[in-house]
Amino acid sequence: MICTLCSSSNIWKNADHIEGDKVTCSNCKKLFQKVSCTHCNKLNNFPTLGYHEGLCLTCAYCSKKFQRITCPHCGKEGFWKNADYLQGTRTSCWSCKNIFQCVNCFHCNTANKWLESKYEQGSVIACRSCSKSFQQMNCPHCKTTNWWKNANHTQGEVIQCHSCKEKFQHIACPNCSAANIWKEANYHHGQRRVCFHCTKPFQMMQCPHCQTIEFFTTGSYRQGNPTTCITCKKAYQLLNCPYCKSALYVSSPGGYHANVLVDCCSCNKSFYHLNCSKCGDAEYFTAPYQYGTLNKCSSCDVTSQYIKCIHCNNIDFWHCITQKNDCSGRASFDGAIYIKVNDYIHAPNPEEIIATKYKSKIVNSAITSHDPPRRIIHEVLLGISKDDGTAVPNYSSWQRTIQ
């Protein structure tokens, strides 16, 4: 190879020179580079060492564009005559058939490669040469690479491509790290999504106090429920507007309670909300839910009733899983929270709370009885009241919830 600076010949006895590598002239000791065009085969000189594999080159002779990347597995050169290799995408070597990835550093243009195809767009890259960090992502609309030279891209934020000006979003799946990209930029914090790669559900939120990104790796967050940031330990809540899907954050502890009026700051519409007692999905209302009335979930079709504690504002519920109206059958008392009869769950009342400490007697009676559960409890308590004077209200005043 002829040195571009002193015109001396340089020879490799083992024929192991890789085109594009920096060469130290055997005569003048200066560095130079040469790359042959994949179209016209003429050598392009880089006396200032400006060539890096993976970069898009324009031939100085035929003016056509091309790319070259050396396979990190077998050392063979790969050619892209149309200069259409996208930064960070997986490609197969024409020779050894192994897959690899390549990203040129934003700061020094050095080619960073991954032999095991583990790189995902949007991940923070520390350059192997200059050690500076950066991020890159290819626009799903025009395929142009967008760069974050300070590695300050935040997952879930709306990105506007610097080339085509179209918008998109990106989130790395918390389960498999695969880059999930939304071409329509229509993802909102808190929404449950399924990863296109591992098909596992997840949710992403951003703490309103410290801006930390948090994930629910099984998609288990329920709208409006309090959650605590893993970084700053402060509590917050989130609701998605049923009209525009915008994420509405509540940063004050206990600042939101179900079934209160919520005004969306994005679309200016109002709504009320409860979570289904069976599947946990959000139910939305245009008017306040009337406590005690039946409500059929739009997701799981289970009918539920809800009541609100006058002391703490928490919502208690009960539902009939099989949607039958017959509530008779053998009863088993399960603490002070609810009574189960076959597949039914009914609301707590003062009598059930009183009965908590007499659970074993109630259960024993229920085994042989086919009376409604509250009659069973009442009869057991009547027997107890004769011994210790426990006050038991009249059965007729609270049997209305049984049938």
Protein backbone atom coordinates (compact mmCIF):
# COMPACT_ATOMS: atom_id res chain seq x y z
CA MET A 1 0.00 0.00 0.00
CA ILE A 2 1.34 3.42 -0.99
CA CYS A 3 1.63 5.96 1.84
CA THR A 4 -0.50 9.02 1.07
CA LEU A 5 2.08 11.29 2.73
CA CYS A 6 5.48 10.11 1.42
CA SER A 7 4.44 7.70 -1.38
CA SER A 8 6.47 4.83 0.11
CA SER A 9 5.25 1.25 -0.31
CA ASN A 10 4.03 -0.67 2.74
CA ILE A 11 3.83 -4.48 2.58
CA TRP A 12 2.11 -7.08 4.82
CA LYS A 13 3.88 -10.44 4.56
CA ASN A 14 1.00 -12.33 6.16
CA ALA A 15 -1.66 -10.51 4.14
CA ASP A 16 -3.46 -9.63 7.37
CA HIS A 17 -4.15 -5.95 6.74
CA ILE A 18 -7.80 -4.96 7.19
CA GLU A 19 -8.88 -2.22 4.85
CA GLY A 20 -9.60 1.02 6.67
CA ASP A 21 -7.33 0.26 9.62
CA LYS A 22 -4.82 2.92 10.59
CA VAL A 23 -1.42 2.27 9.01
CA THR A 24 1.94 3.52 10.28
CA CYS A 25 4.16 4.12 7.27
CA SER A 26 7.38 2.08 7.44
CA ASN A 27 9.28 5.02 6.01
CA CYS A 28 7.91 8.32 7.38
CA LYS A 29 6.30 6.75 10.48
CA LYS A 30 3.13 8.77 9.96
CA LEU A 31 -0.40 7.38 10.12
CA PHE A 32 -2.78 7.15 7.18
CA GLN A 33 -5.90 5.23 6.04
CA LYS A 34 -7.22 4.00 2.72
CA VAL A 35 -10.60 2.49 1.85
CA SER A 36 -11.68 1.18 -1.56
CA CYS A 37 -15.10 2.13 -2.89
CA THR A 38 -17.51 -0.82 -3.18
CA HIS A 39 -18.82 0.63 -6.46
CA CYS A 40 -15.74 1.69 -8.48
CA ASN A 41 -13.00 -0.04 -6.41
CA LYS A 42 -10.87 3.10 -6.29
CA LEU A 43 -8.97 3.87 -3.10
CA ASN A 44 -10.18 6.77 -0.98
CA ASN A 45 -7.44 8.38 1.11
CA PHE A 46 -7.89 9.62 4.68
CA PRO A 47 -4.67 11.47 5.57
CA THR A 48 -6.30 12.99 8.69
CA LEU A 49 -7.43 9.57 10.02
CA GLY A 50 -11.08 10.49 9.68
CA TYR A 51 -12.34 7.07 8.65
CA HIS A 52 -14.19 4.76 11.04
CA GLU A 53 -15.92 1.56 10.00
CA GLY A 54 -19.68 1.81 10.07
CA LEU A 55 -19.75 5.43 8.95
CA CYS A 56 -21.47 6.33 5.70
CA LEU A 57 -18.79 7.26 3.11
CA THR A 58 -19.07 9.13 -0.19
CA CYS A 59 -16.52 8.02 -2.78
CA ALA A 60 -14.21 10.83 -3.94
CA TYR A 61 -14.29 9.44 -7.50
CA CYS A 62 -17.79 8.14 -8.30
CA SER A 63 -19.65 10.10 -5.56
CA LYS A 64 -21.64 7.03 -4.53
CA LYS A 65 -22.23 6.19 -0.88
CA PHE A 66 -21.27 2.97 0.90
CA GLN A 67 -20.45 1.44 4.32
CA ARG A 68 -17.96 -1.16 5.50
CA ILE A 69 -17.91 -3.05 8.83
CA THR A 70 -15.51 -5.80 9.88
CA CYS A 71 -17.17 -8.83 11.45
CA PRO A 72 -16.03 -9.09 15.10
CA HIS A 73 -16.34 -12.90 14.92
CA CYS A 74 -14.26 -13.84 11.88
CA GLY A 75 -12.60 -10.58 10.80
CA LYS A 76 -14.15 -10.56 7.32
CA GLU A 77 -15.29 -7.24 5.91
CA GLY A 78 -18.97 -6.61 5.28
CA PHE A 79 -20.13 -4.17 2.61
CA TRP A 80 -23.30 -2.10 2.33
CA LYS A 81 -23.27 -0.75 -1.22
CA ASN A 82 -26.40 1.31 -0.54
CA ALA A 83 -25.09 2.64 2.77
CA ASP A 84 -28.24 1.33 4.43
CA TYR A 85 -26.89 -0.26 7.62
CA LEU A 86 -28.79 1.24 10.55
CA GLN A 87 -26.80 1.96 13.70
CA GLY A 88 -27.31 -0.67 16.38
CA THR A 89 -29.38 -3.08 14.30
CA ARG A 90 -28.60 -6.79 14.15
CA THR A 91 -26.81 -8.02 11.03
CA SER A 92 -25.38 -11.38 9.89
CA CYS A 93 -21.85 -11.76 8.60
CA TRP A 94 -21.83 -12.95 4.98
CA SER A 95 -18.92 -15.27 5.77
CA CYS A 96 -19.43 -16.88 9.20
CA LYS A 97 -23.19 -16.17 9.46
CA ASN A 98 -22.84 -14.96 13.05
CA ILE A 99 -24.91 -11.99 14.21
CA PHE A 100 -23.42 -8.77 15.57
CA GLN A 101 -24.27 -5.10 16.10
CA CYS A 102 -22.33 -1.89 15.60
CA VAL A 103 -22.79 1.69 16.85
CA ASN A 104 -20.39 4.54 16.10
CA CYS A 105 -19.58 6.73 19.09
CA PHE A 106 -21.21 10.15 18.90
CA HIS A 107 -18.07 11.77 20.34
CA CYS A 108 -15.13 10.07 18.56
CA ASN A 109 -16.85 7.95 15.83
CA THR A 110 -15.20 4.72 17.05
CA ALA A 111 -17.18 1.61 16.11
CA ASN A 112 -18.56 -0.13 19.21
CA LYS A 113 -19.59 -3.74 18.51
CA TRP A 114 -21.62 -6.43 20.27
CA LEU A 115 -20.83 -10.04 19.42
CA GLU A 116 -23.81 -11.57 21.24
CA SER A 117 -26.46 -9.24 19.86
CA LYS A 118 -27.41 -7.91 23.29
CA TYR A 119 -27.52 -4.20 22.52
CA GLU A 120 -30.91 -2.47 22.58
CA GLN A 121 -31.57 0.96 21.14
CA GLY A 122 -31.86 3.65 23.78
CA SER A 123 -29.41 1.93 26.14
CA VAL A 124 -26.59 4.05 27.54
CA ILE A 125 -23.31 3.25 25.72
CA ALA A 126 -19.86 3.94 27.16
CA CYS A 127 -17.49 4.18 24.20
CA ARG A 128 -14.67 1.62 24.27
CA SER A 129 -12.25 4.26 22.98
CA CYS A 130 -13.04 7.63 24.59
CA SER A 131 -15.15 6.24 27.51
CA LYS A 132 -17.78 8.94 27.00
CA SER A 133 -21.44 7.99 27.33
CA PHE A 134 -24.18 8.54 24.78
CA GLN A 135 -27.45 7.07 23.48
CA GLN A 136 -28.88 6.50 20.03
CA MET A 137 -32.20 5.50 18.54
CA ASN A 138 -33.35 5.00 14.96
CA CYS A 139 -36.51 6.84 13.98
CA PRO A 140 -39.26 4.28 13.14
CA HIS A 141 -40.56 6.61 10.43
CA CYS A 142 -37.47 7.61 8.39
CA LYS A 143 -34.79 5.31 9.93
CA THR A 144 -32.48 8.25 10.70
CA THR A 145 -30.38 7.86 13.86
CA ASN A 146 -31.17 10.29 16.68
CA TRP A 147 -28.41 10.91 19.22
CA TRP A 148 -28.24 11.93 22.88
CA LYS A 149 -24.64 12.99 23.36
CA ASN A 150 -25.08 13.41 27.14
CA ALA A 151 -26.97 10.11 27.53
CA ASN A 152 -29.92 12.02 29.00
CA HIS A 153 -32.81 10.38 27.15
CA THR A 154 -35.72 9.59 29.49
CA GLN A 155 -37.80 6.52 28.75
CA GLY A 156 -41.37 7.22 27.75
CA GLU A 157 -40.80 10.84 26.72
CA VAL A 158 -42.05 11.94 23.31
CA ILE A 159 -39.16 12.12 20.83
CA GLN A 160 -39.24 14.32 17.73
CA CYS A 161 -36.92 13.02 15.01
CA HIS A 162 -34.36 15.66 14.05
CA SER A 163 -34.71 14.63 10.39
CA CYS A 164 -38.37 13.97 9.52
CA LYS A 165 -39.84 15.76 12.58
CA GLU A 166 -42.20 12.85 13.24
CA LYS A 167 -42.78 11.86 16.87
CA PHE A 168 -42.30 8.51 18.59
CA GLN A 169 -41.66 6.97 22.03
CA HIS A 170 -39.39 4.32 23.46
CA ILE A 171 -39.45 2.14 26.59
CA ALA A 172 -37.08 -0.72 27.40
CA CYS A 173 -39.04 -3.72 28.67
CA PRO A 174 -38.18 -4.21 32.38
CA ASN A 175 -38.38 -7.98 31.93
CA CYS A 176 -36.18 -8.62 28.86
CA SER A 177 -34.72 -5.14 28.08
CA ALA A 178 -36.06 -5.17 24.50
CA ALA A 179 -36.74 -1.72 23.05
CA ASN A 180 -40.47 -1.15 22.62
CA ILE A 181 -41.19 1.74 20.26
CA TRP A 182 -44.50 3.49 19.62
CA LYS A 183 -44.58 5.11 16.17
CA GLU A 184 -47.67 7.13 17.07
CA ALA A 185 -46.18 8.39 20.36
CA ASN A 186 -49.39 7.35 22.11
CA TYR A 187 -48.09 5.70 25.29
CA HIS A 188 -49.05 7.33 28.60
CA HIS A 189 -47.47 6.65 31.99
CA GLY A 190 -49.32 4.01 33.96
CA GLN A 191 -50.82 2.20 30.98
CA ARG A 192 -50.38 -1.57 30.92
CA ARG A 193 -48.50 -2.81 27.83
CA VAL A 194 -47.26 -6.20 26.62
CA CYS A 195 -43.65 -6.42 25.39
CA PHE A 196 -43.46 -7.32 21.69
CA HIS A 197 -40.45 -9.57 22.39
CA CYS A 198 -41.12 -11.51 25.61
CA THR A 199 -44.92 -10.88 25.64
CA LYS A 200 -44.87 -10.08 29.36
CA PRO A 201 -46.98 -7.16 30.65
CA PHE A 202 -45.46 -4.09 32.29
CA GLN A 203 -46.25 -0.54 33.35
CA MET A 204 -43.99 2.48 33.57
CA MET A 205 -44.39 5.52 35.82
CA GLN A 206 -42.24 8.50 36.77
CA CYS A 207 -42.07 9.68 40.36
CA PRO A 208 -43.41 13.27 40.48
CA HIS A 209 -41.04 14.07 43.35
CA CYS A 210 -37.61 12.97 42.04
CA GLN A 211 -38.45 12.02 38.40
CA THR A 212 -37.16 8.45 38.82
CA ILE A 213 -38.54 6.00 36.27
CA GLU A 214 -40.32 3.09 37.97
CA PHE A 215 -41.63 -0.14 36.50
CA PHE A 216 -44.30 -2.62 37.52
CA THR A 217 -42.88 -5.72 35.85
CA THR A 218 -46.15 -7.67 35.96
CA GLY A 219 -48.46 -4.76 35.16
CA SER A 220 -49.91 -4.96 38.67
CA TYR A 221 -50.41 -1.26 39.46
CA ARG A 222 -54.06 -0.31 39.95
CA GLN A 223 -55.29 3.14 39.03
CA GLY A 224 -55.32 5.58 41.93
CA ASN A 225 -53.56 3.28 44.40
CA PRO A 226 -50.78 4.82 46.52
CA THR A 227 -47.25 3.69 45.62
CA THR A 228 -43.88 4.58 47.14
CA CYS A 229 -40.90 5.64 45.04
CA ILE A 230 -37.96 3.24 45.36
CA THR A 231 -35.52 6.17 45.25
CA CYS A 232 -36.91 9.05 47.32
CA LYS A 233 -39.38 6.92 49.36
CA LYS A 234 -42.16 9.45 48.84
CA ALA A 235 -45.70 8.33 48.05
CA TYR A 236 -47.75 9.28 45.02
CA GLN A 237 -50.75 8.13 42.98
CA LEU A 238 -51.57 7.99 39.28
CA LEU A 239 -54.75 7.98 37.21
CA ASN A 240 -55.15 7.79 33.44
CA CYS A 241 -57.88 10.02 32.04
CA PRO A 242 -60.50 7.77 30.33
CA TYR A 243 -60.91 10.34 27.54
CA CYS A 244 -57.38 11.35 26.48
CA LYS A 245 -55.37 8.71 28.45
CA SER A 246 -53.10 11.39 29.95
CA ALA A 247 -51.33 10.45 33.19
CA LEU A 248 -52.61 12.46 36.16
CA TYR A 249 -50.19 12.35 39.09
CA VAL A 250 -51.15 13.08 42.70
CA SER A 251 -48.02 13.85 44.69
CA SER A 252 -49.53 14.63 48.11
CA PRO A 253 -49.94 11.57 50.39
CA GLY A 254 -53.52 10.32 50.28
CA GLY A 255 -54.45 13.22 48.01
CA TYR A 256 -56.80 11.11 45.93
CA HIS A 257 -59.69 8.87 46.98
CA ALA A 258 -61.83 6.75 44.71
CA ASN A 259 -65.20 8.09 43.55
CA VAL A 260 -64.31 11.77 43.83
CA LEU A 261 -64.47 14.24 40.94
CA VAL A 262 -61.26 14.35 38.87
CA ASP A 263 -60.56 17.12 36.37
CA CYS A 264 -58.13 16.23 33.58
CA CYS A 265 -55.63 19.03 33.02
CA SER A 266 -55.05 17.93 29.41
CA CYS A 267 -58.52 17.59 27.89
CA ASN A 268 -60.41 19.50 30.64
CA LYS A 269 -62.98 16.71 31.00
CA SER A 270 -64.13 15.35 34.36
CA PHE A 271 -64.78 11.83 35.61
CA TYR A 272 -65.19 9.55 38.63
CA HIS A 273 -63.31 6.30 39.14
CA LEU A 274 -63.38 2.98 41.02
CA ASN A 275 -61.29 -0.17 40.58
CA CYS A 276 -63.15 -3.42 39.97
CA SER A 277 -63.13 -5.57 43.12
CA LYS A 278 -62.51 -8.72 41.07
CA CYS A 279 -60.02 -7.96 38.24
CA GLY A 280 -58.70 -4.59 39.44
CA ASP A 281 -59.33 -2.77 36.14
CA ALA A 282 -60.47 0.83 36.33
CA GLU A 283 -64.17 1.64 36.02
CA TYR A 284 -65.05 5.21 35.06
CA PHE A 285 -68.26 7.16 35.66
CA THR A 286 -69.60 10.51 34.50
CA ALA A 287 -71.46 10.94 37.80
CA PRO A 288 -70.57 9.79 41.33
CA TYR A 289 -71.07 6.09 41.94
CA GLN A 290 -73.96 5.55 44.36
CA TYR A 291 -72.55 3.42 47.17
CA GLY A 292 -74.33 0.10 47.55
CA THR A 293 -75.68 -0.05 43.99
CA LEU A 294 -74.77 -2.85 41.61
CA ASN A 295 -72.03 -2.20 39.05
CA LYS A 296 -70.99 -4.64 36.32
CA CYS A 297 -67.31 -4.47 35.37
CA SER A 298 -66.73 -3.76 31.68
CA SER A 299 -63.61 -5.97 31.71
CA CYS A 300 -64.51 -9.13 33.64
CA ASP A 301 -68.35 -8.83 33.73
CA VAL A 302 -68.44 -9.44 37.49
CA THR A 303 -71.12 -7.46 39.34
CA SER A 304 -69.96 -5.71 42.51
CA GLN A 305 -71.18 -3.35 45.19
CA TYR A 306 -69.02 -0.84 47.04
CA ILE A 307 -69.27 0.96 50.37
CA LYS A 308 -67.13 3.74 51.79
CA CYS A 309 -65.75 3.77 55.33
CA ILE A 310 -66.90 6.94 57.10
CA HIS A 311 -63.67 7.01 59.13
CA CYS A 312 -60.81 6.43 56.65
CA ASN A 313 -62.53 6.86 53.25
CA ASN A 314 -61.34 3.42 52.10
CA ILE A 315 -63.63 1.48 49.79
CA ASP A 316 -64.92 -1.94 50.89
CA PHE A 317 -66.64 -4.22 48.40
CA TRP A 318 -68.47 -7.46 47.84
CA HIS A 319 -69.31 -9.34 44.69
CA CYS A 320 -71.14 -12.43 43.44
CA ILE A 321 -68.68 -14.34 41.27
CA THR A 322 -71.28 -16.59 39.61
CA GLN A 323 -73.87 -13.77 39.23
CA LYS A 324 -76.61 -15.76 40.96
CA ASN A 325 -79.17 -14.22 43.28
CA ASP A 326 -79.50 -17.17 45.63
CA CYS A 327 -77.29 -16.51 48.65
CA SER A 328 -78.30 -19.50 50.77
CA GLY A 329 -76.00 -22.45 51.40
CA ARG A 330 -73.40 -23.65 53.86
CA ALA A 331 -71.47 -20.77 55.35
CA SER A 332 -67.93 -20.38 56.58
CA PHE A 333 -66.95 -17.31 58.51
CA ASP A 334 -63.58 -15.84 57.55
CA GLY A 335 -62.55 -13.08 59.93
CA ALA A 336 -64.22 -9.70 60.30
CA ILE A 337 -63.89 -8.63 56.69
CA TYR A 338 -66.43 -10.76 54.80
CA ILE A 339 -68.58 -13.87 54.82
CA LYS A 340 -68.13 -16.46 52.10
CA VAL A 341 -71.07 -18.61 51.02
CA ASN A 342 -70.05 -20.95 48.20
CA ASP A 343 -68.67 -18.42 45.66
CA TYR A 344 -70.21 -15.32 47.25
CA ILE A 345 -68.62 -12.51 49.22
CA HIS A 346 -70.81 -10.17 51.25
CA ALA A 347 -70.21 -6.90 53.00
CA PRO A 348 -69.09 -6.70 56.63
CA ASN A 349 -71.45 -5.46 59.31
CA PRO A 350 -71.21 -4.91 63.06
CA GLU A 351 -72.58 -8.37 63.79
CA GLU A 352 -69.81 -10.02 61.80
CA ILE A 353 -67.21 -7.95 63.61
CA ILE A 354 -68.68 -9.05 66.94
CA ALA A 355 -68.60 -12.62 65.68
CA THR A 356 -64.88 -12.58 64.87
CA LYS A 357 -63.82 -14.00 68.22
CA TYR A 358 -66.50 -16.70 67.94
CA LYS A 359 -65.35 -17.89 64.52
CA SER A 360 -64.88 -21.56 65.46
CA LYS A 361 -68.39 -21.91 66.90
CA ILE A 362 -69.90 -20.30 63.81
CA VAL A 363 -67.97 -22.55 61.44
CA ASN A 364 -69.00 -25.67 63.36
CA SER A 365 -72.63 -24.63 63.16
CA ALA A 366 -72.37 -23.83 59.45
CA ILE A 367 -71.13 -27.33 58.61
CA THR A 368 -74.50 -28.92 59.36
CA SER A 369 -76.80 -26.01 58.56
CA HIS A 370 -78.37 -24.84 55.30
CA ASP A 371 -79.63 -21.57 56.73
CA PRO A 372 -78.49 -18.20 55.35
CA PRO A 373 -75.09 -17.27 56.81
CA ARG A 374 -76.30 -14.37 58.92
CA ARG A 375 -79.02 -16.50 60.51
CA ILE A 376 -76.29 -19.00 61.46
CA ILE A 377 -74.20 -16.24 63.03
CA HIS A 378 -77.23 -14.78 64.80
CA GLU A 379 -78.24 -18.10 66.33
CA VAL A 380 -74.70 -18.76 67.56
CA LEU A 381 -74.51 -15.29 69.08
CA LEU A 382 -77.89 -15.73 70.78
CA GLY A 383 -76.52 -18.78 72.51
CA ILE A 384 -73.40 -16.88 73.54
CA SER A 385 -75.38 -13.87 74.80
CA LYS A 386 -77.16 -16.03 77.34
CA ASP A 387 -73.80 -16.76 78.96
CA ASP A 388 -71.90 -13.45 78.83
CA GLY A 389 -74.55 -10.86 77.95
CA THR A 390 -73.20 -10.02 74.47
CA ALA A 391 -75.62 -7.59 72.80
CA VAL A 392 -77.04 -9.04 69.56
CA PRO A 393 -79.30 -6.91 67.30
CA ASN A 394 -82.56 -8.34 66.06
CA TYR A 395 -81.99 -10.66 63.05
CA SER A 396 -84.82 -9.06 61.04
CA SER A 397 -83.01 -5.70 60.99
CA TRP A 398 -80.04 -6.99 58.99
CA GLN A 399 -81.21 -10.05 57.06
CA ARG A 400 -82.08 -7.78 54.08
CA THR A 401 -78.63 -8.27 52.51
CA ILE A 402 -78.95 -12.04 52.34
CA GLN A 403 -81.59 -12.67 49.69
